C-alpha cells in the first residue's frame, strides 16, 4: 500500500467518524422558555437558513407564544407548520409573526417549513 493510499484511507475514515458524530452525538443547545407574570411562555425565533433557537423547552398546560422573525426572503422559509398543534403561519420577510397555543401533554413536537428542510423541536415538560 502506498503512502497516498494510506493518507486517503485515513482521511476517509476521519471524515466518516466526524459525520457520525455530527448527526448522532452532537447535542443541540436547548432554550428554556420562561413564563411571564401572566403565565405566558414567549419565545422569539429567528428564521434565517434555519430556526434559532431550534430546540425549545416549554411547560405543559401554560400558554405559549412563538414569535417568528424571518430575516430572509428564501421561499423555503415562508411558512412554518406545527402539525401536532394544528397551527401554521405565513412568514413575510423581515416581519414578526406570532403563533399562540397551549400544549396539554408532555412530549417532543416538531415544527418545520413547508418543505420540511428547516426543522425545530418543542420539548413540552
C-alpha atoms as a PDB file:
ATOM      1  CA  UNK A   1       0.000   0.000   0.000  1.00  0.00           C
ATOM      2  CA  UNK A   2       1.431   3.370  -0.984  1.00  0.00           C
ATOM      3  CA  UNK A   3       1.647   6.424   1.254  1.00  0.00           C
ATOM      4  CA  UNK A   4      -1.027   8.199  -0.845  1.00  0.00           C
ATOM      5  CA  UNK A   5      -3.455   5.289  -0.360  1.00  0.00           C
ATOM      6  CA  UNK A   6      -2.854   5.303   3.385  1.00  0.00           C
ATOM      7  CA  UNK A   7      -3.475   9.068   3.584  1.00  0.00           C
ATOM      8  CA  UNK A   8      -6.681   8.813   1.539  1.00  0.00           C
ATOM      9  CA  UNK A   9      -7.929   5.882   3.631  1.00  0.00           C
ATOM     10  CA  UNK A  10      -7.213   7.663   6.934  1.00  0.00           C
ATOM     11  CA  UNK A  11      -8.806  10.880   5.662  1.00  0.00           C
ATOM     12  CA  UNK A  12     -11.945   8.988   4.634  1.00  0.00           C
ATOM     13  CA  UNK A  13     -12.102   7.250   7.993  1.00  0.00           C
ATOM     14  CA  UNK A  14     -11.701  10.563   9.863  1.00  0.00           C
ATOM     15  CA  UNK A  15     -14.415  12.177   7.759  1.00  0.00           C
ATOM     16  CA  UNK A  16     -16.768   9.239   8.386  1.00  0.00           C
ATOM     17  CA  UNK A  17     -16.227   9.494  12.145  1.00  0.00           C
ATOM     18  CA  UNK A  18     -16.930  13.247  12.033  1.00  0.00           C
ATOM     19  CA  UNK A  19     -20.182  12.757  10.082  1.00  0.00           C
ATOM     20  CA  UNK A  20     -21.395  10.084  12.514  1.00  0.00           C
ATOM     21  CA  UNK A  21     -20.546  12.287  15.496  1.00  0.00           C
ATOM     22  CA  UNK A  22     -22.190  15.371  13.962  1.00  0.00           C
ATOM     23  CA  UNK A  23     -25.517  13.704  13.142  1.00  0.00           C
ATOM     24  CA  UNK A  24     -25.866  11.314  16.070  1.00  0.00           C
ATOM     25  CA  UNK A  25     -23.849  12.552  19.037  1.00  0.00           C
ATOM     26  CA  UNK A  26     -23.535  16.334  18.878  1.00  0.00           C
ATOM     27  CA  UNK A  27     -26.260  17.804  21.067  1.00  0.00           C
ATOM     28  CA  UNK A  28     -28.047  20.985  20.182  1.00  0.00           C
ATOM     29  CA  UNK A  29     -28.404  23.617  22.860  1.00  0.00           C
ATOM     30  CA  UNK A  30     -31.888  23.710  24.331  1.00  0.00           C
ATOM     31  CA  UNK A  31     -33.600  27.045  25.010  1.00  0.00           C
ATOM     32  CA  UNK A  32     -35.769  27.125  28.136  1.00  0.00           C
ATOM     33  CA  UNK A  33     -38.859  29.339  27.826  1.00  0.00           C
ATOM     34  CA  UNK A  34     -39.769  31.233  30.976  1.00  0.00           C
ATOM     35  CA  UNK A  35     -43.324  32.299  31.779  1.00  0.00           C
ATOM     36  CA  UNK A  36     -44.116  35.963  32.416  1.00  0.00           C
ATOM     37  CA  UNK A  37     -46.304  37.172  35.295  1.00  0.00           C
ATOM     38  CA  UNK A  38     -49.473  36.217  33.365  1.00  0.00           C
ATOM     39  CA  UNK A  39     -48.142  32.676  32.820  1.00  0.00           C
ATOM     40  CA  UNK A  40     -47.441  33.178  29.095  1.00  0.00           C
ATOM     41  CA  UNK A  41     -44.324  31.459  27.763  1.00  0.00           C
ATOM     42  CA  UNK A  42     -42.946  33.664  24.982  1.00  0.00           C
ATOM     43  CA  UNK A  43     -40.043  32.813  22.674  1.00  0.00           C
ATOM     44  CA  UNK A  44     -38.512  34.890  19.879  1.00  0.00           C
ATOM     45  CA  UNK A  45     -37.308  32.707  16.988  1.00  0.00           C
ATOM     46  CA  UNK A  46     -35.081  33.999  14.188  1.00  0.00           C
ATOM     47  CA  UNK A  47     -35.677  32.385  10.794  1.00  0.00           C
ATOM     48  CA  UNK A  48     -32.598  32.528   8.568  1.00  0.00           C
ATOM     49  CA  UNK A  49     -31.395  29.292   6.999  1.00  0.00           C
ATOM     50  CA  UNK A  50     -32.953  27.525   9.978  1.00  0.00           C
ATOM     51  CA  UNK A  51     -34.627  28.343  13.271  1.00  0.00           C
ATOM     52  CA  UNK A  52     -32.734  29.930  16.156  1.00  0.00           C
ATOM     53  CA  UNK A  53     -33.305  28.621  18.746  1.00  0.00           C
ATOM     54  CA  UNK A  54     -34.326  25.334  17.174  1.00  0.00           C
ATOM     55  CA  UNK A  55     -34.852  23.299  20.367  1.00  0.00           C
ATOM     56  CA  UNK A  56     -37.206  24.951  22.858  1.00  0.00           C
ATOM     57  CA  UNK A  57     -38.323  23.603  26.237  1.00  0.00           C
ATOM     58  CA  UNK A  58     -41.770  24.719  27.422  1.00  0.00           C
ATOM     59  CA  UNK A  59     -44.140  23.735  30.210  1.00  0.00           C
ATOM     60  CA  UNK A  60     -47.340  21.785  29.560  1.00  0.00           C
ATOM     61  CA  UNK A  61     -50.613  23.463  30.463  1.00  0.00           C
ATOM     62  CA  UNK A  62     -49.304  27.034  30.089  1.00  0.00           C
ATOM     63  CA  UNK A  63     -49.981  29.214  27.038  1.00  0.00           C
ATOM     64  CA  UNK A  64     -47.140  29.678  24.543  1.00  0.00           C
ATOM     65  CA  UNK A  65     -46.441  32.467  22.075  1.00  0.00           C
ATOM     66  CA  UNK A  66     -43.795  31.770  19.433  1.00  0.00           C
ATOM     67  CA  UNK A  67     -42.657  34.967  17.677  1.00  0.00           C
ATOM     68  CA  UNK A  68     -41.074  34.109  14.322  1.00  0.00           C
ATOM     69  CA  UNK A  69     -38.954  36.844  12.712  1.00  0.00           C
ATOM     70  CA  UNK A  70     -37.921  35.922   9.167  1.00  0.00           C
ATOM     71  CA  UNK A  71     -34.593  37.549   8.236  1.00  0.00           C
ATOM     72  CA  UNK A  72     -34.568  36.332   4.638  1.00  0.00           C
ATOM     73  CA  UNK A  73     -36.696  36.099   1.503  1.00  0.00           C
ATOM     74  CA  UNK A  74     -35.927  32.461   0.599  1.00  0.00           C
ATOM     75  CA  UNK A  75     -39.047  30.523  -0.491  1.00  0.00           C
ATOM     76  CA  UNK A  76     -38.389  27.581   1.842  1.00  0.00           C
ATOM     77  CA  UNK A  77     -38.780  29.660   4.998  1.00  0.00           C
ATOM     78  CA  UNK A  78     -42.008  31.447   4.017  1.00  0.00           C
ATOM     79  CA  UNK A  79     -44.218  29.147   6.099  1.00  0.00           C
ATOM     80  CA  UNK A  80     -43.898  27.459   9.482  1.00  0.00           C
ATOM     81  CA  UNK A  81     -46.010  24.421  10.386  1.00  0.00           C
ATOM     82  CA  UNK A  82     -46.688  22.941  13.835  1.00  0.00           C
ATOM     83  CA  UNK A  83     -48.680  19.846  12.780  1.00  0.00           C
ATOM     84  CA  UNK A  84     -49.296  18.412  16.265  1.00  0.00           C
ATOM     85  CA  UNK A  85     -50.958  21.662  17.345  1.00  0.00           C
ATOM     86  CA  UNK A  86     -52.757  22.172  14.014  1.00  0.00           C
ATOM     87  CA  UNK A  87     -51.064  25.562  13.587  1.00  0.00           C
ATOM     88  CA  UNK A  88     -49.284  27.153  10.654  1.00  0.00           C
ATOM     89  CA  UNK A  89     -48.419  30.664   9.542  1.00  0.00           C
ATOM     90  CA  UNK A  90     -47.121  32.521   6.537  1.00  0.00           C
ATOM     91  CA  UNK A  91     -43.936  34.411   7.453  1.00  0.00           C
ATOM     92  CA  UNK A  92     -43.441  37.602   5.425  1.00  0.00           C
ATOM     93  CA  UNK A  93     -39.777  38.647   5.097  1.00  0.00           C
ATOM     94  CA  UNK A  94     -38.487  40.975   7.822  1.00  0.00           C
ATOM     95  CA  UNK A  95     -41.673  40.827   9.901  1.00  0.00           C
ATOM     96  CA  UNK A  96     -42.604  39.139  13.165  1.00  0.00           C
ATOM     97  CA  UNK A  97     -45.498  36.676  13.133  1.00  0.00           C
ATOM     98  CA  UNK A  98     -46.810  35.132  16.368  1.00  0.00           C
ATOM     99  CA  UNK A  99     -48.370  31.721  16.871  1.00  0.00           C
ATOM    100  CA  UNK A 100     -50.192  31.038  20.141  1.00  0.00           C
ATOM    101  CA  UNK A 101     -51.349  27.736  21.626  1.00  0.00           C
ATOM    102  CA  UNK A 102     -51.405  25.802  24.886  1.00  0.00           C
ATOM    103  CA  UNK A 103     -49.597  22.429  24.895  1.00  0.00           C
ATOM    104  CA  UNK A 104     -51.552  19.997  27.051  1.00  0.00           C
ATOM    105  CA  UNK A 105     -49.395  16.845  27.002  1.00  0.00           C
ATOM    106  CA  UNK A 106     -45.655  16.429  27.624  1.00  0.00           C
ATOM    107  CA  UNK A 107     -43.639  15.173  24.675  1.00  0.00           C
ATOM    108  CA  UNK A 108     -41.487  16.260  21.759  1.00  0.00           C
ATOM    109  CA  UNK A 109     -43.169  18.103  18.901  1.00  0.00           C
ATOM    110  CA  UNK A 110     -41.588  19.184  15.623  1.00  0.00           C
ATOM    111  CA  UNK A 111     -42.088  22.407  13.707  1.00  0.00           C
ATOM    112  CA  UNK A 112     -40.907  22.733  10.117  1.00  0.00           C
ATOM    113  CA  UNK A 113     -41.033  24.810   6.981  1.00  0.00           C
ATOM    114  CA  UNK A 114     -43.482  23.712   4.276  1.00  0.00           C
ATOM    115  CA  UNK A 115     -40.759  21.688   2.521  1.00  0.00           C
ATOM    116  CA  UNK A 116     -39.555  20.050   5.746  1.00  0.00           C
ATOM    117  CA  UNK A 117     -35.994  21.304   5.253  1.00  0.00           C
ATOM    118  CA  UNK A 118     -35.940  23.711   8.206  1.00  0.00           C
ATOM    119  CA  UNK A 119     -36.666  21.881  11.432  1.00  0.00           C
ATOM    120  CA  UNK A 120     -37.188  22.761  15.054  1.00  0.00           C
ATOM    121  CA  UNK A 121     -38.421  20.943  18.144  1.00  0.00           C
ATOM    122  CA  UNK A 122     -40.595  21.857  21.107  1.00  0.00           C
ATOM    123  CA  UNK A 123     -39.935  19.827  24.222  1.00  0.00           C
ATOM    124  CA  UNK A 124     -43.034  20.019  26.405  1.00  0.00           C
ATOM    125  CA  UNK A 125     -42.281  19.121  30.019  1.00  0.00           C
END
